[in-house]
Amino acid sequence: MTHNYNLSVGGLTTPFFSFECSTVLKGTAIVFVIFGHRGLIDCAGSWGVLIFLVLSGYGIFKSTQQKGLDGFWHNRVIGVFVPYVLFSVFQLGLSIVKGEAFGVENVFCTVTGLDFGFNLDPTMWYISYIFACYAIFYVAWHFYWQRGAVSFVVVLLAFFVLMAIVGLTNSVWHRGSASWAYFWAFPAGVLLAMREERLAANGGSFAIFLFVGLSALVAVMLLYGTQHGSLNLFVYSAAGAVLVMLAVKILMDGPLAGVIAKTLRPVGEASYAMYLNEGFLIRLDACIPFVMGPVLTLVLSFSFAMAWDWIVSDRVTGWLKGKWQ
């Protein structure tokens, strides 16, 4: 079901991210990640990562609000970690066949999803990052029920500020990941899920989101293609992600929702598998006599993801879900 802005009073109905809107946003995010990594759109990969993190925070709060912490790690391990491990083993096997040199530390970090600069696929720093987000939320949620929403928010934000500090040291996630710039996104999704009903009741909420969207557009236009220092990168990536999310939300609440959903829903459903394979496809440039462009990379990533999920990932995770029940 599509939920619409109530333009007559300037209010915002809920949920902010319906299931359909979230799926379309995931599809949009992975397109930006691939186009950003292929150099088509300046630093667009950071927009995609931020969108994924906001959606994760939003979805986890909604899910935990309904079901509590029952199955919390079960769902994360089977839905996120197991598919990652399966594809990592596949990548390691191909690296061995290709005769690539790597050490025990590379194998360990690659299989476990850690980074420390040793993961054979540098784009996989996100795996350990998102599990750190899950762990913070899990701890903070206990404060929610024991001491209330204020304690929950304080603990959540304190830990994510710590995440930013750790990211700045480049000790856990490599420098190229710019992990420090993403600390705000997951808690922003959580806070949006917490407060969306109040936002909907606020008669000026649409005006606020319009102002935020226009501000984000101006920031992206001013900083596009510039040398991204620390502050520039933070502002540019945040503004781009906010702009894309608001634009997709407005489009999904309008008459073009059906067309957009039909186009991007399949990509959104395959987005995680596409994220897992896009770094691998980019590495293939060294093995083939040409460089795949952004569109070809996107098409191959989607096709590979669909085949991989159908042949391998869905079967293994389905079996594990049956065993773990």
Protein backbone atom coordinates (compact mmCIF):
# COMPACT_ATOMS: atom_id res chain seq x y z
CA MET A 1 0.00 0.00 0.00
CA THR A 2 1.31 3.46 -0.87
CA HIS A 3 1.07 6.19 1.77
CA ASN A 4 0.77 9.79 0.67
CA TYR A 5 1.63 13.24 1.89
CA ASN A 6 -1.48 15.11 3.00
CA LEU A 7 -0.72 18.25 1.04
CA SER A 8 -3.93 19.97 2.13
CA VAL A 9 -2.55 20.43 5.65
CA GLY A 10 1.12 19.98 4.90
CA GLY A 11 1.26 16.88 7.07
CA LEU A 12 3.01 13.56 6.57
CA THR A 13 1.25 10.23 6.84
CA THR A 14 3.00 7.08 7.99
CA PRO A 15 4.92 4.92 7.51
CA PHE A 16 7.58 7.15 6.03
CA PHE A 17 9.20 4.17 4.31
CA SER A 18 6.60 1.63 3.25
CA PHE A 19 7.86 -1.82 2.23
CA GLU A 20 7.50 -0.87 -1.42
CA CYS A 21 9.32 2.44 -0.96
CA SER A 22 12.13 0.72 0.99
CA THR A 23 12.59 -1.85 -1.77
CA VAL A 24 12.75 0.85 -4.45
CA LEU A 25 15.22 2.82 -2.35
CA LYS A 26 17.44 -0.26 -2.00
CA GLY A 27 17.41 -0.61 -5.77
CA THR A 28 18.25 3.07 -6.15
CA ALA A 29 21.04 2.77 -3.57
CA ILE A 30 22.82 -0.13 -5.27
CA VAL A 31 22.64 1.69 -8.62
CA PHE A 32 24.39 4.66 -7.01
CA VAL A 33 26.97 2.40 -5.38
CA ILE A 34 27.89 0.80 -8.71
CA PHE A 35 27.82 4.07 -10.65
CA GLY A 36 29.90 5.72 -7.93
CA HIS A 37 32.50 2.95 -7.89
CA ARG A 38 32.64 3.09 -11.70
CA GLY A 39 33.23 6.84 -11.64
CA LEU A 40 30.03 7.81 -13.43
CA ILE A 41 28.65 9.93 -10.57
CA ASP A 42 30.99 11.70 -8.20
CA CYS A 43 31.17 9.82 -4.87
CA ALA A 44 27.68 8.40 -5.38
CA GLY A 45 28.75 5.20 -3.63
CA SER A 46 28.58 7.11 -0.34
CA TRP A 47 24.96 8.05 -1.08
CA GLY A 48 24.06 4.40 -1.58
CA VAL A 49 25.78 3.30 1.63
CA LEU A 50 24.01 5.99 3.64
CA ILE A 51 20.63 5.02 2.18
CA PHE A 52 21.21 1.37 3.12
CA LEU A 53 22.15 2.40 6.67
CA VAL A 54 19.12 4.66 7.13
CA LEU A 55 16.80 1.92 5.88
CA SER A 56 18.49 -0.61 8.17
CA GLY A 57 18.00 1.57 11.24
CA TYR A 58 14.41 2.34 10.29
CA GLY A 59 13.51 -1.28 9.56
CA ILE A 60 15.19 -2.73 12.64
CA PHE A 61 13.39 -0.32 14.96
CA LYS A 62 10.04 -1.12 13.37
CA SER A 63 10.68 -4.86 13.53
CA THR A 64 11.92 -4.80 17.13
CA GLN A 65 9.03 -2.58 18.17
CA GLN A 66 6.63 -5.27 16.95
CA LYS A 67 8.47 -8.45 17.93
CA GLY A 68 10.99 -7.41 20.56
CA LEU A 69 14.46 -8.91 20.41
CA ASP A 70 13.19 -12.43 19.64
CA GLY A 71 15.11 -13.72 16.65
CA PHE A 72 17.18 -10.53 16.42
CA TRP A 73 20.55 -12.20 15.82
CA HIS A 74 18.97 -15.17 14.08
CA ASN A 75 17.63 -12.88 11.34
CA ARG A 76 20.82 -10.86 11.02
CA VAL A 77 23.12 -13.88 10.86
CA ILE A 78 21.06 -15.83 8.34
CA GLY A 79 19.93 -12.87 6.27
CA VAL A 80 23.19 -10.89 6.16
CA PHE A 81 26.20 -12.85 7.37
CA VAL A 82 25.56 -16.26 5.79
CA PRO A 83 25.10 -14.86 2.24
CA TYR A 84 28.27 -12.86 2.75
CA VAL A 85 30.26 -15.93 3.86
CA LEU A 86 28.99 -17.97 0.92
CA PHE A 87 30.09 -15.37 -1.60
CA SER A 88 33.40 -14.79 0.19
CA VAL A 89 34.26 -18.48 -0.04
CA PHE A 90 33.45 -18.31 -3.75
CA GLN A 91 35.75 -15.30 -4.16
CA LEU A 92 38.55 -16.98 -2.22
CA GLY A 93 38.26 -20.06 -4.42
CA LEU A 94 38.59 -17.97 -7.56
CA SER A 95 41.55 -16.09 -6.08
CA ILE A 96 43.30 -19.40 -5.46
CA VAL A 97 42.59 -20.54 -9.03
CA LYS A 98 43.98 -17.24 -10.35
CA GLY A 99 47.14 -17.74 -8.30
CA GLU A 100 46.70 -14.57 -6.23
CA ALA A 101 48.96 -14.31 -3.19
CA PHE A 102 47.34 -13.74 0.18
CA GLY A 103 48.02 -14.62 3.79
CA VAL A 104 46.14 -16.10 6.72
CA GLU A 105 45.06 -12.64 7.86
CA ASN A 106 43.45 -12.02 4.45
CA VAL A 107 41.53 -15.29 4.60
CA PHE A 108 40.40 -14.68 8.19
CA CYS A 109 39.18 -11.11 7.57
CA THR A 110 37.55 -12.06 4.28
CA VAL A 111 35.56 -14.97 5.72
CA THR A 112 34.57 -13.21 8.95
CA GLY A 113 33.65 -9.91 7.28
CA LEU A 114 36.25 -7.93 9.21
CA ASP A 115 38.37 -5.26 7.58
CA PHE A 116 41.59 -3.94 9.17
CA GLY A 117 42.76 -3.48 5.58
CA PHE A 118 43.07 -7.24 5.03
CA ASN A 119 39.75 -8.14 3.40
CA LEU A 120 40.43 -9.23 -0.19
CA ASP A 121 37.42 -7.19 -1.30
CA PRO A 122 37.84 -3.65 0.13
CA THR A 123 34.15 -2.87 -0.42
CA MET A 124 33.23 -5.46 2.22
CA TRP A 125 34.18 -3.18 5.12
CA TYR A 126 30.43 -2.54 5.29
CA ILE A 127 29.76 -6.03 6.73
CA SER A 128 31.60 -5.46 10.00
CA TYR A 129 30.26 -1.90 10.10
CA ILE A 130 26.62 -2.94 9.87
CA PHE A 131 27.10 -5.65 12.50
CA ALA A 132 28.59 -3.01 14.80
CA CYS A 133 25.37 -1.03 14.18
CA TYR A 134 23.30 -4.09 15.07
CA ALA A 135 25.26 -4.62 18.29
CA ILE A 136 24.83 -0.99 19.35
CA PHE A 137 21.10 -1.14 18.71
CA TYR A 138 20.83 -4.43 20.63
CA VAL A 139 22.51 -2.89 23.68
CA ALA A 140 20.56 0.37 23.44
CA TRP A 141 17.23 -1.45 23.15
CA HIS A 142 17.67 -2.87 26.65
CA PHE A 143 17.82 0.70 27.94
CA TYR A 144 14.58 1.44 26.06
CA TRP A 145 12.56 -0.96 28.17
CA GLN A 146 14.47 -0.55 31.42
CA ARG A 147 14.90 3.23 31.51
CA GLY A 148 12.81 4.71 28.70
CA ALA A 149 13.20 6.32 25.30
CA VAL A 150 15.53 9.12 26.44
CA SER A 151 18.10 6.65 27.78
CA PHE A 152 17.78 4.63 24.58
CA VAL A 153 18.52 7.66 22.40
CA VAL A 154 21.42 8.82 24.59
CA VAL A 155 23.09 5.39 24.54
CA LEU A 156 22.46 4.99 20.82
CA LEU A 157 23.94 8.36 19.88
CA ALA A 158 26.88 8.03 22.28
CA PHE A 159 27.94 4.74 20.73
CA PHE A 160 27.61 6.10 17.20
CA VAL A 161 29.76 9.12 18.05
CA LEU A 162 32.31 6.57 19.25
CA MET A 163 31.91 4.80 15.89
CA ALA A 164 32.79 8.05 14.13
CA ILE A 165 35.90 8.47 16.29
CA VAL A 166 37.00 4.90 15.56
CA GLY A 167 36.35 5.52 11.87
CA LEU A 168 38.58 8.58 11.91
CA THR A 169 41.49 6.49 13.21
CA ASN A 170 41.22 4.09 10.22
CA SER A 171 42.19 1.31 12.64
CA VAL A 172 39.17 -0.93 12.02
CA TRP A 173 37.94 0.19 8.59
CA HIS A 174 40.45 1.20 5.93
CA ARG A 175 40.95 4.84 4.99
CA GLY A 176 39.26 4.49 1.61
CA SER A 177 35.98 3.48 3.23
CA ALA A 178 35.58 6.92 4.89
CA SER A 179 33.56 5.05 7.53
CA TRP A 180 33.60 8.05 9.86
CA ALA A 181 31.23 9.89 7.52
CA TYR A 182 28.43 7.34 7.92
CA PHE A 183 27.97 7.36 11.70
CA TRP A 184 24.76 9.39 11.60
CA ALA A 185 22.76 7.32 9.12
CA PHE A 186 21.73 4.23 11.10
CA PRO A 187 20.60 6.19 14.19
CA ALA A 188 18.82 8.67 11.89
CA GLY A 189 16.76 5.78 10.52
CA VAL A 190 16.02 4.62 14.06
CA LEU A 191 14.96 8.09 15.21
CA LEU A 192 12.79 8.58 12.11
CA ALA A 193 10.98 5.33 12.90
CA MET A 194 10.54 6.44 16.52
CA ARG A 195 9.17 9.88 15.73
CA GLU A 196 7.37 9.49 12.41
CA GLU A 197 3.90 9.55 13.96
CA ARG A 198 4.68 12.83 15.68
CA LEU A 199 6.12 14.16 12.43
CA ALA A 200 2.91 13.14 10.68
CA ALA A 201 0.87 15.00 13.29
CA ASN A 202 2.97 18.12 12.79
CA GLY A 203 1.16 20.32 10.30
CA GLY A 204 4.41 21.84 9.06
CA SER A 205 6.27 18.60 8.44
CA PHE A 206 5.98 18.73 4.66
CA ALA A 207 7.39 22.26 4.62
CA ILE A 208 10.29 21.07 6.78
CA PHE A 209 11.10 18.16 4.46
CA LEU A 210 10.81 20.44 1.43
CA PHE A 211 13.29 22.86 3.00
CA VAL A 212 15.67 19.99 3.86
CA GLY A 213 15.40 18.62 0.32
CA LEU A 214 16.13 21.98 -1.31
CA SER A 215 19.06 22.55 1.05
CA ALA A 216 20.45 19.13 0.17
CA LEU A 217 20.08 19.90 -3.55
CA VAL A 218 22.02 23.16 -3.17
CA ALA A 219 24.78 21.40 -1.19
CA VAL A 220 25.14 18.66 -3.82
CA MET A 221 25.29 21.20 -6.65
CA LEU A 222 27.93 23.30 -4.87
CA LEU A 223 30.13 20.35 -3.87
CA TYR A 224 29.73 18.10 -6.92
CA GLY A 225 33.07 17.30 -8.52
CA THR A 226 35.07 19.24 -5.92
CA GLN A 227 38.05 17.96 -3.96
CA HIS A 228 36.38 16.14 -1.08
CA GLY A 229 38.15 16.90 2.16
CA SER A 230 36.77 15.56 5.41
CA LEU A 231 34.07 18.21 5.93
CA ASN A 232 33.22 18.43 2.22
CA LEU A 233 32.82 14.67 1.96
CA PHE A 234 30.59 14.54 5.03
CA VAL A 235 28.29 17.32 3.80
CA TYR A 236 28.25 16.12 0.21
CA SER A 237 27.52 12.47 1.01
CA ALA A 238 24.86 13.32 3.60
CA ALA A 239 23.18 15.86 1.32
CA GLY A 240 23.17 13.45 -1.62
CA ALA A 241 21.64 10.63 0.41
CA VAL A 242 18.96 12.88 1.93
CA LEU A 243 18.12 14.32 -1.48
CA VAL A 244 17.76 10.89 -3.08
CA MET A 245 15.64 9.50 -0.23
CA LEU A 246 13.25 12.44 -0.24
CA ALA A 247 12.99 12.43 -4.03
CA VAL A 248 12.19 8.71 -4.13
CA LYS A 249 9.72 9.08 -1.25
CA ILE A 250 7.84 11.88 -3.05
CA LEU A 251 7.82 9.96 -6.34
CA MET A 252 6.58 6.81 -4.60
CA ASP A 253 3.75 8.81 -3.09
CA GLY A 254 2.73 10.13 -6.50
CA PRO A 255 1.13 8.88 -9.71
CA LEU A 256 4.37 7.36 -11.05
CA ALA A 257 4.74 4.99 -8.09
CA GLY A 258 3.61 1.93 -10.03
CA VAL A 259 6.03 2.49 -12.91
CA ILE A 260 8.95 3.21 -10.60
CA ALA A 261 8.21 0.19 -8.42
CA LYS A 262 7.93 -2.11 -11.43
CA THR A 263 11.31 -0.92 -12.69
CA LEU A 264 13.30 -0.85 -9.46
CA ARG A 265 11.61 -3.48 -7.27
CA PRO A 266 13.57 -6.40 -8.82
CA VAL A 267 16.83 -4.48 -8.39
CA GLY A 268 15.93 -3.68 -4.78
CA GLU A 269 15.15 -7.30 -4.03
CA ALA A 270 18.54 -8.33 -5.43
CA SER A 271 20.40 -5.33 -3.98
CA TYR A 272 22.28 -7.19 -1.23
CA ALA A 273 23.54 -9.88 -3.58
CA MET A 274 24.49 -7.12 -6.03
CA TYR A 275 26.42 -5.36 -3.30
CA LEU A 276 28.29 -8.60 -2.58
CA ASN A 277 29.27 -9.16 -6.22
CA GLU A 278 29.92 -5.65 -7.57
CA GLY A 279 33.40 -5.41 -6.05
CA PHE A 280 34.23 -8.82 -7.49
CA LEU A 281 33.05 -7.74 -10.95
CA ILE A 282 35.18 -4.59 -10.79
CA ARG A 283 38.21 -6.72 -9.90
CA LEU A 284 37.65 -8.67 -13.12
CA ASP A 285 38.91 -5.67 -15.09
CA ALA A 286 42.43 -6.98 -14.53
CA CYS A 287 41.50 -10.34 -16.11
CA ILE A 288 39.58 -9.26 -19.20
CA PRO A 289 40.76 -7.27 -22.25
CA PHE A 290 38.41 -4.33 -21.57
CA VAL A 291 37.00 -2.31 -18.70
CA MET A 292 33.31 -2.83 -18.03
CA GLY A 293 31.42 0.44 -18.04
CA PRO A 294 28.94 1.37 -15.29
CA VAL A 295 25.86 0.19 -17.20
CA LEU A 296 27.38 -3.17 -18.14
CA THR A 297 28.59 -3.64 -14.57
CA LEU A 298 25.07 -2.92 -13.32
CA VAL A 299 23.47 -5.38 -15.75
CA LEU A 300 25.99 -8.12 -15.00
CA SER A 301 25.73 -7.51 -11.26
CA PHE A 302 21.94 -7.87 -11.37
CA SER A 303 22.07 -11.00 -13.54
CA PHE A 304 24.77 -12.58 -11.39
CA ALA A 305 22.85 -11.74 -8.21
CA MET A 306 19.65 -13.32 -9.47
CA ALA A 307 21.45 -16.51 -10.51
CA TRP A 308 23.53 -16.69 -7.33
CA ASP A 309 20.54 -16.23 -5.02
CA TRP A 310 18.49 -18.81 -6.90
CA ILE A 311 21.24 -21.44 -7.16
CA VAL A 312 23.13 -20.94 -3.89
CA SER A 313 22.16 -18.29 -1.35
CA ASP A 314 18.38 -18.76 -1.14
CA ARG A 315 18.74 -22.53 -0.85
CA VAL A 316 21.31 -22.40 1.95
CA THR A 317 19.57 -19.66 3.95
CA GLY A 318 16.20 -21.39 3.47
CA TRP A 319 17.65 -24.62 4.81
CA LEU A 320 19.21 -22.81 7.80
CA LYS A 321 15.93 -21.06 8.63
CA GLY A 322 14.22 -24.44 8.72
CA LYS A 323 16.90 -25.89 10.97
CA TRP A 324 17.02 -22.89 13.32
CA GLN A 325 13.27 -22.72 13.98
